């Protein structure tokens, strides 16, 4: 099988990583590359934008061409900023194309919540209702038949995977969850902002969007569905002076009367994720580092049981398991390919 793929938003961080992964995928042909079509964006040879692709890929990145997409693409990845993808999805679906969206435009089922956090009106509520949330470890069955897939955010991926076994088995006092997460600067994309300049980040470490981050409702939405009760976590993100990677430290209390049907919390996690190719559970009391997962699609998780209190630490690469590699993993599931194709 060969999947003919287009990428809209090919010149950003996630677009670059997608190209790298897909060039090494045995079942993919990159048919076309496009920018967002924003005013002032002219055609660019992709190897001029990213010289590492010289003699590997010489496609010209242009504004989206619907005739080329209709004729040549089976699947389109949208590696676009938040609030932009919903301008493209209706047309792509009308052309019969499968879509994997790496932005937040189709993650939140309630459009009013989306509008609160992203400050724009959602213009595609019809397709929003049919979007599948693409966290493979929880929604693989739905992903298999997805036409429109909402690729999860980077923080939510690291946090939900760290909490899912405990939430699903009703072992958590859901009012007690506190998340202290740290991300490399690439998580902010290629925006030209003073606070993201090297001179501002290097040698510094800071919290931002304290318990107001736009990923909070995404985390709460998935955890609430798992729990069957409303979950509202405390989430404080921090900016690390490094390029990539996320380390999430999660503090929680066990539910009153919770009974652990496993030798240890680590053993419980191992059983829950026993068939997952990209989840690695550390031995009891051993915790992951960002270096353990950098430039991989793995999520490494370490847990420690302190009686009533449990601490979970998870680590991912925000550009890979937190974005582009997870998108490729989802593509593999959608096309019934080996899940690790192009990723190991």
Protein backbone atom coordinates (compact mmCIF):
# COMPACT_ATOMS: atom_id res chain seq x y z
CA UNK A 1 0.00 0.00 0.00
CA UNK A 2 1.16 3.52 -0.83
CA UNK A 3 -0.55 6.50 0.82
CA UNK A 4 -0.30 9.73 -1.16
CA UNK A 5 0.04 12.51 1.37
CA UNK A 6 -0.23 16.28 1.32
CA UNK A 7 0.87 18.62 4.10
CA UNK A 8 -0.64 22.07 4.58
CA UNK A 9 1.61 24.13 6.83
CA UNK A 10 4.80 22.37 5.77
CA UNK A 11 7.27 25.11 6.77
CA UNK A 12 6.57 25.12 10.55
CA UNK A 13 8.15 22.96 13.26
CA UNK A 14 5.56 20.18 13.02
CA UNK A 15 5.61 20.34 9.22
CA UNK A 16 9.36 19.89 9.17
CA UNK A 17 9.19 16.90 11.52
CA UNK A 18 6.32 15.38 9.52
CA UNK A 19 8.35 15.58 6.31
CA UNK A 20 11.31 13.87 8.00
CA UNK A 21 9.14 11.04 9.30
CA UNK A 22 7.20 10.54 6.07
CA UNK A 23 10.35 10.47 3.93
CA UNK A 24 11.38 7.42 5.95
CA UNK A 25 7.96 5.75 5.91
CA UNK A 26 7.80 2.62 3.72
CA UNK A 27 4.16 3.19 2.72
CA UNK A 28 4.05 6.94 2.07
CA UNK A 29 4.65 9.18 -0.92
CA UNK A 30 4.69 12.91 -0.19
CA UNK A 31 2.64 14.21 -3.11
CA UNK A 32 2.39 17.93 -2.33
CA UNK A 33 3.49 20.51 0.21
CA UNK A 34 1.54 23.68 0.90
CA UNK A 35 1.77 26.76 3.08
CA UNK A 36 -1.28 28.26 4.77
CA UNK A 37 -2.04 30.49 1.78
CA UNK A 38 -1.62 33.57 3.95
CA UNK A 39 -0.99 36.84 2.11
CA UNK A 40 2.70 37.37 1.32
CA UNK A 41 3.62 33.67 1.33
CA UNK A 42 5.13 32.90 -2.05
CA UNK A 43 6.28 29.54 -3.45
CA UNK A 44 9.36 28.06 -1.75
CA UNK A 45 11.39 24.98 -2.59
CA UNK A 46 11.24 22.97 0.60
CA UNK A 47 14.98 22.20 0.49
CA UNK A 48 15.63 25.96 0.54
CA UNK A 49 13.52 26.28 3.68
CA UNK A 50 15.11 23.19 5.27
CA UNK A 51 18.49 22.49 3.59
CA UNK A 52 18.67 19.04 5.19
CA UNK A 53 16.12 17.89 2.59
CA UNK A 54 18.44 18.75 -0.32
CA UNK A 55 18.53 15.83 -2.79
CA UNK A 56 15.86 14.11 -0.68
CA UNK A 57 12.81 16.23 -1.43
CA UNK A 58 12.67 19.12 -3.88
CA UNK A 59 8.93 19.83 -3.91
CA UNK A 60 7.79 23.44 -4.13
CA UNK A 61 5.65 24.57 -1.20
CA UNK A 62 2.83 26.75 -2.54
CA UNK A 63 -0.57 27.98 -1.47
CA UNK A 64 -3.13 25.12 -1.29
CA UNK A 65 -4.19 23.89 -4.71
CA UNK A 66 -7.51 22.05 -4.50
CA UNK A 67 -7.20 20.44 -7.93
CA UNK A 68 -3.83 18.92 -7.00
CA UNK A 69 -5.19 17.73 -3.67
CA UNK A 70 -8.24 16.16 -5.31
CA UNK A 71 -6.14 14.41 -7.96
CA UNK A 72 -3.05 13.36 -6.02
CA UNK A 73 -3.72 13.08 -2.27
CA UNK A 74 -5.37 10.38 -0.19
CA UNK A 75 -4.69 12.04 3.16
CA UNK A 76 -3.85 15.60 4.17
CA UNK A 77 -2.02 16.61 7.34
CA UNK A 78 -2.83 20.09 8.65
CA UNK A 79 0.27 21.40 10.46
CA UNK A 80 -1.26 24.83 10.96
CA UNK A 81 -1.65 27.29 13.84
CA UNK A 82 -4.74 27.01 16.00
CA UNK A 83 -7.87 28.65 14.48
CA UNK A 84 -6.64 28.16 10.88
CA UNK A 85 -7.43 24.48 10.20
CA UNK A 86 -11.20 24.91 10.32
CA UNK A 87 -10.92 27.05 7.18
CA UNK A 88 -9.59 24.04 5.26
CA UNK A 89 -11.29 20.98 6.75
CA UNK A 90 -14.76 21.35 5.15
CA UNK A 91 -13.28 21.56 1.64
CA UNK A 92 -10.90 18.65 2.22
CA UNK A 93 -13.68 16.42 3.52
CA UNK A 94 -15.93 17.42 0.62
CA UNK A 95 -13.17 16.17 -1.71
CA UNK A 96 -13.26 12.80 0.04
CA UNK A 97 -9.87 13.19 1.70
CA UNK A 98 -8.94 11.90 5.12
CA UNK A 99 -7.61 14.66 7.39
CA UNK A 100 -5.30 14.64 10.39
CA UNK A 101 -5.33 18.03 12.09
CA UNK A 102 -2.44 18.86 14.42
CA UNK A 103 -4.07 22.05 15.72
CA UNK A 104 -6.68 22.38 18.48
CA UNK A 105 -9.55 23.22 16.11
CA UNK A 106 -11.30 19.84 16.41
CA UNK A 107 -10.20 18.61 19.85
CA UNK A 108 -12.83 20.24 22.05
CA UNK A 109 -16.32 18.88 21.61
CA UNK A 110 -17.98 22.00 23.04
CA UNK A 111 -17.48 24.93 20.63
CA UNK A 112 -18.18 27.49 23.35
CA UNK A 113 -15.23 26.12 25.36
CA UNK A 114 -13.05 26.37 22.25
CA UNK A 115 -14.18 29.95 21.72
CA UNK A 116 -13.41 30.86 25.34
CA UNK A 117 -9.82 29.64 25.15
CA UNK A 118 -8.94 30.42 21.53
CA UNK A 119 -10.81 33.74 21.27
CA UNK A 120 -12.46 33.05 17.90
CA UNK A 121 -15.81 31.70 16.77
CA UNK A 122 -15.68 28.09 15.61
CA UNK A 123 -16.86 28.11 12.00
CA UNK A 124 -17.17 24.35 11.40
CA UNK A 125 -19.40 22.97 14.12
CA UNK A 126 -20.83 20.31 11.77
CA UNK A 127 -17.50 18.54 11.25
CA UNK A 128 -16.48 19.18 14.85
CA UNK A 129 -19.19 16.75 15.91
CA UNK A 130 -17.69 13.96 13.81
CA UNK A 131 -14.02 14.46 14.68
CA UNK A 132 -12.17 11.63 16.44
CA UNK A 133 -9.72 12.47 19.22
CA UNK A 134 -6.48 10.78 18.24
CA UNK A 135 -4.89 9.39 21.37
CA UNK A 136 -4.14 5.82 20.21
CA UNK A 137 -3.81 4.28 23.65
CA UNK A 138 -7.41 5.22 24.50
CA UNK A 139 -9.26 5.61 21.19
CA UNK A 140 -7.66 3.15 18.77
CA UNK A 141 -11.01 1.62 17.81
CA UNK A 142 -12.49 4.96 16.72
CA UNK A 143 -9.26 6.06 15.03
CA UNK A 144 -9.43 3.06 12.67
CA UNK A 145 -12.50 4.47 10.94
CA UNK A 146 -11.78 8.19 11.31
CA UNK A 147 -12.20 10.59 8.39
CA UNK A 148 -11.25 13.65 10.47
CA UNK A 149 -8.77 13.09 13.26
CA UNK A 150 -7.93 15.66 15.92
CA UNK A 151 -4.33 15.01 16.94
CA UNK A 152 -3.92 15.63 20.69
CA UNK A 153 -1.96 18.49 22.19
CA UNK A 154 1.51 17.89 23.58
CA UNK A 155 0.80 18.65 27.24
CA UNK A 156 -2.46 16.65 27.18
CA UNK A 157 -0.66 13.63 25.69
CA UNK A 158 1.90 13.52 28.47
CA UNK A 159 -0.65 14.21 31.21
CA UNK A 160 -3.54 11.99 30.07
CA UNK A 161 -1.25 9.01 29.53
CA UNK A 162 0.17 9.55 33.02
CA UNK A 163 -3.28 9.56 34.61
CA UNK A 164 -5.41 7.24 32.48
CA UNK A 165 -4.81 3.94 34.34
CA UNK A 166 -5.60 5.46 37.72
CA UNK A 167 -8.62 7.45 36.49
CA UNK A 168 -10.08 4.57 34.49
CA UNK A 169 -9.89 2.26 37.50
CA UNK A 170 -11.44 4.87 39.86
CA UNK A 171 -8.39 4.97 42.10
CA UNK A 172 -8.06 8.78 42.18
CA UNK A 173 -9.64 11.47 44.30
CA UNK A 174 -10.37 13.57 41.21
CA UNK A 175 -10.44 16.80 43.25
CA UNK A 176 -6.78 16.34 44.22
CA UNK A 177 -4.99 16.34 40.85
CA UNK A 178 -2.16 18.88 40.51
CA UNK A 179 0.00 18.95 37.39
CA UNK A 180 3.39 20.66 37.21
CA UNK A 181 4.55 20.39 33.59
CA UNK A 182 7.59 21.75 31.75
CA UNK A 183 8.06 22.14 27.99
CA UNK A 184 10.82 23.08 25.60
CA UNK A 185 10.35 26.26 23.58
CA UNK A 186 9.47 24.51 20.30
CA UNK A 187 6.03 23.87 21.79
CA UNK A 188 5.19 27.51 21.05
CA UNK A 189 5.81 27.10 17.32
CA UNK A 190 7.73 29.60 15.19
CA UNK A 191 6.04 32.73 16.50
CA UNK A 192 8.31 35.77 16.62
CA UNK A 193 7.69 36.95 20.17
CA UNK A 194 10.05 38.69 22.59
CA UNK A 195 9.45 36.14 25.37
CA UNK A 196 10.52 33.32 23.02
CA UNK A 197 13.81 34.86 21.88
CA UNK A 198 16.99 32.96 22.78
CA UNK A 199 18.27 35.90 24.84
CA UNK A 200 15.08 35.82 26.95
CA UNK A 201 14.91 32.03 27.43
CA UNK A 202 18.54 31.04 27.90
CA UNK A 203 19.43 30.77 31.57
CA UNK A 204 15.83 31.32 32.67
CA UNK A 205 12.92 29.18 33.85
CA UNK A 206 9.37 30.39 34.34
CA UNK A 207 5.76 29.45 34.76
CA UNK A 208 3.21 30.84 32.31
CA UNK A 209 -0.58 30.76 31.81
CA UNK A 210 -0.90 29.52 35.38
CA UNK A 211 -4.01 27.31 35.50
CA UNK A 212 -5.37 29.14 32.43
CA UNK A 213 -3.56 27.30 29.61
CA UNK A 214 -5.62 26.44 26.52
CA UNK A 215 -4.77 22.75 26.97
CA UNK A 216 -6.60 22.63 30.33
CA UNK A 217 -10.07 21.98 28.85
CA UNK A 218 -8.64 19.28 26.58
CA UNK A 219 -7.13 17.49 29.59
CA UNK A 220 -10.34 17.86 31.60
CA UNK A 221 -12.51 16.68 28.71
CA UNK A 222 -10.68 13.37 28.27
CA UNK A 223 -10.21 12.68 31.98
CA UNK A 224 -13.88 13.46 32.67
CA UNK A 225 -14.94 10.96 30.02
CA UNK A 226 -12.64 8.32 31.53
CA UNK A 227 -13.85 9.01 35.05
CA UNK A 228 -17.55 9.38 34.33
CA UNK A 229 -17.40 12.46 36.59
CA UNK A 230 -16.37 16.05 35.98
CA UNK A 231 -12.61 16.45 36.37
CA UNK A 232 -11.04 19.89 36.77
CA UNK A 233 -7.28 19.61 37.27
CA UNK A 234 -4.87 22.26 38.51
CA UNK A 235 -2.40 22.67 35.63
CA UNK A 236 0.69 24.89 35.74
CA UNK A 237 2.95 24.82 32.64
CA UNK A 238 6.54 26.06 32.65
CA UNK A 239 8.95 27.02 29.89
CA UNK A 240 12.29 25.23 29.89
CA UNK A 241 15.37 26.77 28.23
CA UNK A 242 15.67 23.80 25.85
CA UNK A 243 14.44 23.15 22.31
CA UNK A 244 12.12 20.18 22.83
CA UNK A 245 10.66 17.78 25.34
CA UNK A 246 7.98 17.74 28.04
CA UNK A 247 8.26 16.47 31.61
CA UNK A 248 4.97 16.35 33.53
CA UNK A 249 4.91 15.74 37.28
CA UNK A 250 1.45 14.81 38.52
CA UNK A 251 0.46 14.80 42.20
CA UNK A 252 -2.74 13.09 43.34
CA UNK A 253 -4.49 11.45 46.26
CA UNK A 254 -6.02 7.99 46.11
CA UNK A 255 -9.78 7.80 46.33
CA UNK A 256 -11.16 6.91 49.75
CA UNK A 257 -11.41 3.13 49.97
CA UNK A 258 -9.49 2.61 46.72
CA UNK A 259 -8.13 -0.92 46.45
CA UNK A 260 -5.13 -1.62 44.27
CA UNK A 261 -5.56 -4.93 42.40
CA UNK A 262 -1.88 -5.17 41.51
CA UNK A 263 1.41 -5.74 43.30
CA UNK A 264 2.29 -2.06 42.89
CA UNK A 265 1.23 1.10 41.06
CA UNK A 266 4.01 0.45 38.52
CA UNK A 267 2.65 -3.06 37.95
CA UNK A 268 -0.84 -1.61 37.43
CA UNK A 269 0.53 0.75 34.76
CA UNK A 270 2.40 -2.10 33.05
CA UNK A 271 -0.78 -4.17 32.84
CA UNK A 272 -2.86 -1.24 31.57
CA UNK A 273 -0.37 -0.45 28.80
CA UNK A 274 0.92 -3.98 28.17
CA UNK A 275 0.03 -3.96 24.45
CA UNK A 276 1.06 -0.37 23.72
CA UNK A 277 4.11 -0.10 21.46
CA UNK A 278 5.05 3.44 22.51
CA UNK A 279 4.50 3.38 26.27
CA UNK A 280 7.40 2.42 28.53
CA UNK A 281 6.86 2.06 32.27
CA UNK A 282 9.84 2.51 34.56
CA UNK A 283 10.41 0.18 37.54
CA UNK A 284 8.70 1.25 40.75
CA UNK A 285 10.23 4.51 42.00
CA UNK A 286 12.38 5.13 38.90
CA UNK A 287 11.50 8.23 36.88
CA UNK A 288 12.06 9.29 33.25
CA UNK A 289 14.10 12.17 31.90
CA UNK A 290 13.51 14.20 28.76
CA UNK A 291 16.72 12.75 27.29
CA UNK A 292 15.16 9.29 27.52
CA UNK A 293 12.48 10.18 24.97
CA UNK A 294 13.98 13.00 22.90
CA UNK A 295 13.55 12.40 19.14
CA UNK A 296 11.33 9.35 19.72
CA UNK A 297 7.60 8.61 19.78
CA UNK A 298 7.81 7.05 23.24
CA UNK A 299 6.06 8.18 26.39
CA UNK A 300 8.03 7.07 29.44
CA UNK A 301 6.22 6.95 32.78
CA UNK A 302 7.49 6.53 36.32
CA UNK A 303 5.28 6.23 39.42
CA UNK A 304 5.74 6.23 43.17
CA UNK A 305 3.18 5.22 45.78
CA UNK A 306 3.45 7.10 49.10
CA UNK A 307 0.38 5.55 50.70
CA UNK A 308 -2.45 8.02 50.17
CA UNK A 309 -0.34 10.16 47.80
CA UNK A 310 0.81 9.03 44.35
CA UNK A 311 3.30 10.86 42.15
CA UNK A 312 3.39 10.16 38.41
CA UNK A 313 6.08 11.56 36.12
CA UNK A 314 5.79 11.25 32.34
CA UNK A 315 8.13 12.39 29.57
CA UNK A 316 7.60 12.84 25.83
CA UNK A 317 9.13 14.69 22.91
CA UNK A 318 6.61 17.47 22.28
CA UNK A 319 7.28 17.53 18.51
CA UNK A 320 7.02 13.74 18.13
CA UNK A 321 4.69 11.90 20.53
CA UNK A 322 3.26 15.33 21.29
CA UNK A 323 2.60 16.19 17.64
CA UNK A 324 4.00 14.86 14.35
CA UNK A 325 4.98 11.28 15.26
CA UNK A 326 1.67 10.71 17.01
CA UNK A 327 0.00 11.98 13.81
CA UNK A 328 1.93 9.35 11.83
CA UNK A 329 1.00 6.70 14.40
CA UNK A 330 -2.64 7.68 13.86
CA UNK A 331 -2.22 7.49 10.08
CA UNK A 332 -0.85 3.97 10.46
CA UNK A 333 -3.91 2.96 12.47
CA UNK A 334 -6.31 4.58 9.99
CA UNK A 335 -4.74 2.65 7.09
CA UNK A 336 -4.31 -0.61 9.04
CA UNK A 337 -0.51 -0.51 8.79
CA UNK A 338 1.88 -1.67 11.51
CA UNK A 339 1.55 1.01 14.15
CA UNK A 340 5.29 1.55 14.40
CA UNK A 341 5.82 1.96 10.63
CA UNK A 342 8.15 4.88 10.00
CA UNK A 343 8.54 5.50 13.73
CA UNK A 344 11.13 2.98 14.93
